[in-house]
């Protein structure tokens, strides 16, 4: 099972890394299709593999996994079925950023469990350093989601298409 846990962790890191890239794309109004596919795939894989890890009861990680799968289903639907049309663009942005946040949230939980210096600061994860860290990260993600929803409003017109539109407008005048 140790190999499987390592694979789960590597997939999680890939999801977090690609999440940063996708978030950058959203903030700069670029869809970054390949990175988006990597992000969504690795984040789905992270959420699914948590259910294969050994456990005899429902854990908080399972609950986060279930929430993440629902959020990812919405993101996938908005992105690939509705193709970011109309209000689905904002739905995609919010659900993608939320899925990314959930990955980071779990990463912080794991860091406070596994990194000795962090574990010493918050051994039960009910201490102030853990709460402040999670609250700060949540606020940052809320702000980023709002900005991304504003910036990723509409697909920018490529320069070639824009020049053709202008040329057509000049010809018809």
C-alpha atoms as a PDB file:
ATOM      1  CA  UNK A   1       0.000   0.000   0.000  1.00  0.00           C
ATOM      2  CA  UNK A   2       2.980   2.350   0.464  1.00  0.00           C
ATOM      3  CA  UNK A   3       3.519   2.498  -3.319  1.00  0.00           C
ATOM      4  CA  UNK A   4      -0.145   3.380  -3.808  1.00  0.00           C
ATOM      5  CA  UNK A   5       0.082   6.166  -1.211  1.00  0.00           C
ATOM      6  CA  UNK A   6       3.152   7.520  -3.028  1.00  0.00           C
ATOM      7  CA  UNK A   7       1.265   7.467  -6.336  1.00  0.00           C
ATOM      8  CA  UNK A   8      -1.686   9.254  -4.675  1.00  0.00           C
ATOM      9  CA  UNK A   9       0.658  11.931  -3.304  1.00  0.00           C
ATOM     10  CA  UNK A  10       2.390  12.414  -6.668  1.00  0.00           C
ATOM     11  CA  UNK A  11      -0.966  12.752  -8.416  1.00  0.00           C
ATOM     12  CA  UNK A  12      -2.002  15.275  -5.746  1.00  0.00           C
ATOM     13  CA  UNK A  13       1.156  17.322  -6.337  1.00  0.00           C
ATOM     14  CA  UNK A  14       0.520  17.219 -10.094  1.00  0.00           C
ATOM     15  CA  UNK A  15      -3.030  18.456  -9.460  1.00  0.00           C
ATOM     16  CA  UNK A  16      -1.808  21.288  -7.261  1.00  0.00           C
ATOM     17  CA  UNK A  17       0.945  22.330  -9.689  1.00  0.00           C
ATOM     18  CA  UNK A  18      -1.367  22.238 -12.696  1.00  0.00           C
ATOM     19  CA  UNK A  19      -3.986  24.055 -10.614  1.00  0.00           C
ATOM     20  CA  UNK A  20      -1.592  26.991 -10.224  1.00  0.00           C
ATOM     21  CA  UNK A  21      -1.067  27.062 -13.993  1.00  0.00           C
ATOM     22  CA  UNK A  22      -4.814  26.899 -14.728  1.00  0.00           C
ATOM     23  CA  UNK A  23      -5.541  29.596 -12.142  1.00  0.00           C
ATOM     24  CA  UNK A  24      -2.911  31.816 -13.792  1.00  0.00           C
ATOM     25  CA  UNK A  25      -4.686  31.193 -17.095  1.00  0.00           C
ATOM     26  CA  UNK A  26      -8.039  32.153 -15.623  1.00  0.00           C
ATOM     27  CA  UNK A  27      -6.558  35.326 -14.152  1.00  0.00           C
ATOM     28  CA  UNK A  28      -5.102  36.260 -17.543  1.00  0.00           C
ATOM     29  CA  UNK A  29      -8.231  35.277 -19.541  1.00  0.00           C
ATOM     30  CA  UNK A  30      -6.579  32.281 -21.224  1.00  0.00           C
ATOM     31  CA  UNK A  31      -8.185  28.843 -21.205  1.00  0.00           C
ATOM     32  CA  UNK A  32      -4.927  26.820 -21.417  1.00  0.00           C
ATOM     33  CA  UNK A  33      -6.781  23.759 -22.689  1.00  0.00           C
ATOM     34  CA  UNK A  34      -4.010  21.181 -22.163  1.00  0.00           C
ATOM     35  CA  UNK A  35      -3.193  22.397 -18.668  1.00  0.00           C
ATOM     36  CA  UNK A  36      -6.904  22.420 -17.860  1.00  0.00           C
ATOM     37  CA  UNK A  37      -7.213  18.790 -18.976  1.00  0.00           C
ATOM     38  CA  UNK A  38      -4.185  17.844 -16.851  1.00  0.00           C
ATOM     39  CA  UNK A  39      -5.558  19.735 -13.849  1.00  0.00           C
ATOM     40  CA  UNK A  40      -9.031  18.234 -14.076  1.00  0.00           C
ATOM     41  CA  UNK A  41      -7.710  14.712 -14.715  1.00  0.00           C
ATOM     42  CA  UNK A  42      -5.199  14.749 -11.855  1.00  0.00           C
ATOM     43  CA  UNK A  43      -7.671  16.357  -9.472  1.00  0.00           C
ATOM     44  CA  UNK A  44     -10.307  13.735 -10.288  1.00  0.00           C
ATOM     45  CA  UNK A  45      -7.657  11.025  -9.830  1.00  0.00           C
ATOM     46  CA  UNK A  46      -6.630  12.519  -6.479  1.00  0.00           C
ATOM     47  CA  UNK A  47     -10.233  12.561  -5.283  1.00  0.00           C
ATOM     48  CA  UNK A  48     -10.910   9.013  -6.476  1.00  0.00           C
ATOM     49  CA  UNK A  49      -7.737   7.451  -5.095  1.00  0.00           C
ATOM     50  CA  UNK A  50      -8.525   8.665  -1.581  1.00  0.00           C
ATOM     51  CA  UNK A  51     -11.324   6.074  -1.506  1.00  0.00           C
ATOM     52  CA  UNK A  52      -8.905   3.224  -2.202  1.00  0.00           C
ATOM     53  CA  UNK A  53      -6.646   4.072   0.739  1.00  0.00           C
ATOM     54  CA  UNK A  54      -7.228   1.696   3.667  1.00  0.00           C
ATOM     55  CA  UNK A  55      -9.884   2.738   6.163  1.00  0.00           C
ATOM     56  CA  UNK A  56     -12.577   1.000   8.157  1.00  0.00           C
ATOM     57  CA  UNK A  57     -14.791   4.106   8.505  1.00  0.00           C
ATOM     58  CA  UNK A  58     -15.758   7.355   6.809  1.00  0.00           C
ATOM     59  CA  UNK A  59     -12.972   9.891   7.340  1.00  0.00           C
ATOM     60  CA  UNK A  60     -12.807  13.649   6.757  1.00  0.00           C
ATOM     61  CA  UNK A  61     -10.646  12.890   3.710  1.00  0.00           C
ATOM     62  CA  UNK A  62     -13.535  10.876   2.250  1.00  0.00           C
ATOM     63  CA  UNK A  63     -15.935  13.761   2.831  1.00  0.00           C
ATOM     64  CA  UNK A  64     -13.561  16.189   1.120  1.00  0.00           C
ATOM     65  CA  UNK A  65     -13.199  13.636  -1.704  1.00  0.00           C
ATOM     66  CA  UNK A  66     -16.968  13.447  -2.149  1.00  0.00           C
ATOM     67  CA  UNK A  67     -17.320  17.240  -2.155  1.00  0.00           C
ATOM     68  CA  UNK A  68     -14.427  17.498  -4.598  1.00  0.00           C
ATOM     69  CA  UNK A  69     -16.011  14.959  -6.967  1.00  0.00           C
ATOM     70  CA  UNK A  70     -19.292  16.910  -7.000  1.00  0.00           C
ATOM     71  CA  UNK A  71     -17.432  20.172  -7.651  1.00  0.00           C
ATOM     72  CA  UNK A  72     -15.329  18.521 -10.371  1.00  0.00           C
ATOM     73  CA  UNK A  73     -18.434  17.075 -12.041  1.00  0.00           C
ATOM     74  CA  UNK A  74     -19.829  20.610 -12.244  1.00  0.00           C
ATOM     75  CA  UNK A  75     -16.515  21.967 -13.601  1.00  0.00           C
ATOM     76  CA  UNK A  76     -16.305  19.209 -16.209  1.00  0.00           C
ATOM     77  CA  UNK A  77     -19.913  19.762 -17.277  1.00  0.00           C
ATOM     78  CA  UNK A  78     -19.438  23.535 -17.552  1.00  0.00           C
ATOM     79  CA  UNK A  79     -16.143  23.212 -19.413  1.00  0.00           C
ATOM     80  CA  UNK A  80     -16.736  20.320 -21.789  1.00  0.00           C
ATOM     81  CA  UNK A  81     -20.516  19.900 -22.158  1.00  0.00           C
ATOM     82  CA  UNK A  82     -21.658  23.525 -21.941  1.00  0.00           C
ATOM     83  CA  UNK A  83     -18.323  24.709 -23.423  1.00  0.00           C
ATOM     84  CA  UNK A  84     -18.171  27.753 -21.146  1.00  0.00           C
ATOM     85  CA  UNK A  85     -21.244  29.269 -22.789  1.00  0.00           C
ATOM     86  CA  UNK A  86     -23.070  32.063 -21.012  1.00  0.00           C
ATOM     87  CA  UNK A  87     -23.192  31.718 -17.252  1.00  0.00           C
ATOM     88  CA  UNK A  88     -21.409  28.369 -17.438  1.00  0.00           C
ATOM     89  CA  UNK A  89     -18.137  30.281 -17.823  1.00  0.00           C
ATOM     90  CA  UNK A  90     -18.421  31.648 -14.269  1.00  0.00           C
ATOM     91  CA  UNK A  91     -19.687  28.297 -12.989  1.00  0.00           C
ATOM     92  CA  UNK A  92     -16.561  26.696 -14.431  1.00  0.00           C
ATOM     93  CA  UNK A  93     -14.251  29.296 -12.912  1.00  0.00           C
ATOM     94  CA  UNK A  94     -15.771  29.007  -9.444  1.00  0.00           C
ATOM     95  CA  UNK A  95     -15.884  25.197  -9.485  1.00  0.00           C
ATOM     96  CA  UNK A  96     -12.338  24.873 -10.868  1.00  0.00           C
ATOM     97  CA  UNK A  97     -10.953  27.261  -8.252  1.00  0.00           C
ATOM     98  CA  UNK A  98     -12.919  25.474  -5.528  1.00  0.00           C
ATOM     99  CA  UNK A  99     -11.555  22.087  -6.647  1.00  0.00           C
ATOM    100  CA  UNK A 100      -8.049  23.567  -6.608  1.00  0.00           C
ATOM    101  CA  UNK A 101      -8.661  25.010  -3.134  1.00  0.00           C
ATOM    102  CA  UNK A 102      -9.792  21.623  -1.823  1.00  0.00           C
ATOM    103  CA  UNK A 103      -6.511  20.097  -3.058  1.00  0.00           C
ATOM    104  CA  UNK A 104      -4.531  22.835  -1.318  1.00  0.00           C
ATOM    105  CA  UNK A 105      -6.676  22.490   1.828  1.00  0.00           C
ATOM    106  CA  UNK A 106      -5.835  18.790   2.052  1.00  0.00           C
ATOM    107  CA  UNK A 107      -2.188  19.578   1.328  1.00  0.00           C
ATOM    108  CA  UNK A 108      -2.116  21.946   4.295  1.00  0.00           C
ATOM    109  CA  UNK A 109      -3.775  19.323   6.505  1.00  0.00           C
ATOM    110  CA  UNK A 110      -1.166  16.774   5.438  1.00  0.00           C
ATOM    111  CA  UNK A 111       1.675  19.259   5.970  1.00  0.00           C
ATOM    112  CA  UNK A 112       0.506  19.897   9.544  1.00  0.00           C
ATOM    113  CA  UNK A 113       0.323  16.119  10.074  1.00  0.00           C
ATOM    114  CA  UNK A 114       3.659  15.170   8.520  1.00  0.00           C
ATOM    115  CA  UNK A 115       6.073  18.116   8.804  1.00  0.00           C
ATOM    116  CA  UNK A 116       7.546  18.020  12.332  1.00  0.00           C
ATOM    117  CA  UNK A 117       7.805  21.820  12.748  1.00  0.00           C
ATOM    118  CA  UNK A 118       4.178  22.309  11.699  1.00  0.00           C
ATOM    119  CA  UNK A 119       2.987  19.354  13.777  1.00  0.00           C
ATOM    120  CA  UNK A 120       4.662  20.940  16.817  1.00  0.00           C
ATOM    121  CA  UNK A 121       2.724  24.160  16.173  1.00  0.00           C
ATOM    122  CA  UNK A 122      -0.635  22.397  15.853  1.00  0.00           C
ATOM    123  CA  UNK A 123      -0.491  18.768  17.039  1.00  0.00           C
ATOM    124  CA  UNK A 124      -4.289  18.301  16.992  1.00  0.00           C
ATOM    125  CA  UNK A 125      -5.000  20.745  14.144  1.00  0.00           C
ATOM    126  CA  UNK A 126      -7.324  22.671  16.423  1.00  0.00           C
ATOM    127  CA  UNK A 127      -4.642  25.163  17.420  1.00  0.00           C
ATOM    128  CA  UNK A 128      -4.441  28.773  16.235  1.00  0.00           C
ATOM    129  CA  UNK A 129      -1.575  28.369  13.696  1.00  0.00           C
ATOM    130  CA  UNK A 130      -3.534  25.741  11.780  1.00  0.00           C
ATOM    131  CA  UNK A 131      -6.772  27.754  11.883  1.00  0.00           C
ATOM    132  CA  UNK A 132      -5.039  30.972  10.812  1.00  0.00           C
ATOM    133  CA  UNK A 133      -3.254  29.213   7.951  1.00  0.00           C
ATOM    134  CA  UNK A 134      -6.456  27.618   6.657  1.00  0.00           C
ATOM    135  CA  UNK A 135      -8.454  30.845   7.057  1.00  0.00           C
ATOM    136  CA  UNK A 136      -5.793  32.865   5.213  1.00  0.00           C
ATOM    137  CA  UNK A 137      -5.616  30.360   2.346  1.00  0.00           C
ATOM    138  CA  UNK A 138      -9.424  30.283   2.106  1.00  0.00           C
ATOM    139  CA  UNK A 139      -9.588  34.085   1.898  1.00  0.00           C
ATOM    140  CA  UNK A 140      -6.880  34.148  -0.770  1.00  0.00           C
ATOM    141  CA  UNK A 141      -8.777  31.558  -2.841  1.00  0.00           C
ATOM    142  CA  UNK A 142     -12.052  33.465  -2.478  1.00  0.00           C
ATOM    143  CA  UNK A 143     -10.338  36.634  -3.716  1.00  0.00           C
ATOM    144  CA  UNK A 144      -8.668  34.739  -6.579  1.00  0.00           C
ATOM    145  CA  UNK A 145     -11.987  33.140  -7.588  1.00  0.00           C
ATOM    146  CA  UNK A 146     -13.675  36.547  -7.725  1.00  0.00           C
ATOM    147  CA  UNK A 147     -10.875  38.079  -9.786  1.00  0.00           C
ATOM    148  CA  UNK A 148     -10.729  35.031 -12.075  1.00  0.00           C
ATOM    149  CA  UNK A 149     -14.504  35.146 -12.640  1.00  0.00           C
ATOM    150  CA  UNK A 150     -14.179  38.796 -13.651  1.00  0.00           C
ATOM    151  CA  UNK A 151     -11.081  38.363 -15.827  1.00  0.00           C
ATOM    152  CA  UNK A 152     -12.190  35.134 -17.530  1.00  0.00           C
ATOM    153  CA  UNK A 153     -15.454  36.673 -18.759  1.00  0.00           C
ATOM    154  CA  UNK A 154     -15.108  36.112 -22.436  1.00  0.00           C
ATOM    155  CA  UNK A 155     -12.630  34.421 -24.660  1.00  0.00           C
ATOM    156  CA  UNK A 156     -10.298  37.067 -26.105  1.00  0.00           C
ATOM    157  CA  UNK A 157     -10.472  37.447 -29.874  1.00  0.00           C
ATOM    158  CA  UNK A 158      -7.234  36.190 -31.460  1.00  0.00           C
ATOM    159  CA  UNK A 159      -5.235  38.881 -33.287  1.00  0.00           C
ATOM    160  CA  UNK A 160      -5.777  37.275 -36.724  1.00  0.00           C
ATOM    161  CA  UNK A 161      -9.549  37.106 -36.231  1.00  0.00           C
ATOM    162  CA  UNK A 162      -9.632  40.683 -34.947  1.00  0.00           C
ATOM    163  CA  UNK A 163      -7.743  41.961 -37.989  1.00  0.00           C
ATOM    164  CA  UNK A 164     -10.170  40.118 -40.305  1.00  0.00           C
ATOM    165  CA  UNK A 165     -13.139  41.662 -38.496  1.00  0.00           C
ATOM    166  CA  UNK A 166     -11.619  45.134 -38.877  1.00  0.00           C
ATOM    167  CA  UNK A 167     -10.804  44.509 -42.549  1.00  0.00           C
ATOM    168  CA  UNK A 168     -14.386  43.333 -43.204  1.00  0.00           C
ATOM    169  CA  UNK A 169     -15.738  46.418 -41.437  1.00  0.00           C
ATOM    170  CA  UNK A 170     -13.602  48.718 -43.645  1.00  0.00           C
ATOM    171  CA  UNK A 171     -14.694  46.948 -46.840  1.00  0.00           C
ATOM    172  CA  UNK A 172     -18.414  47.211 -46.018  1.00  0.00           C
ATOM    173  CA  UNK A 173     -18.218  50.978 -45.302  1.00  0.00           C
END
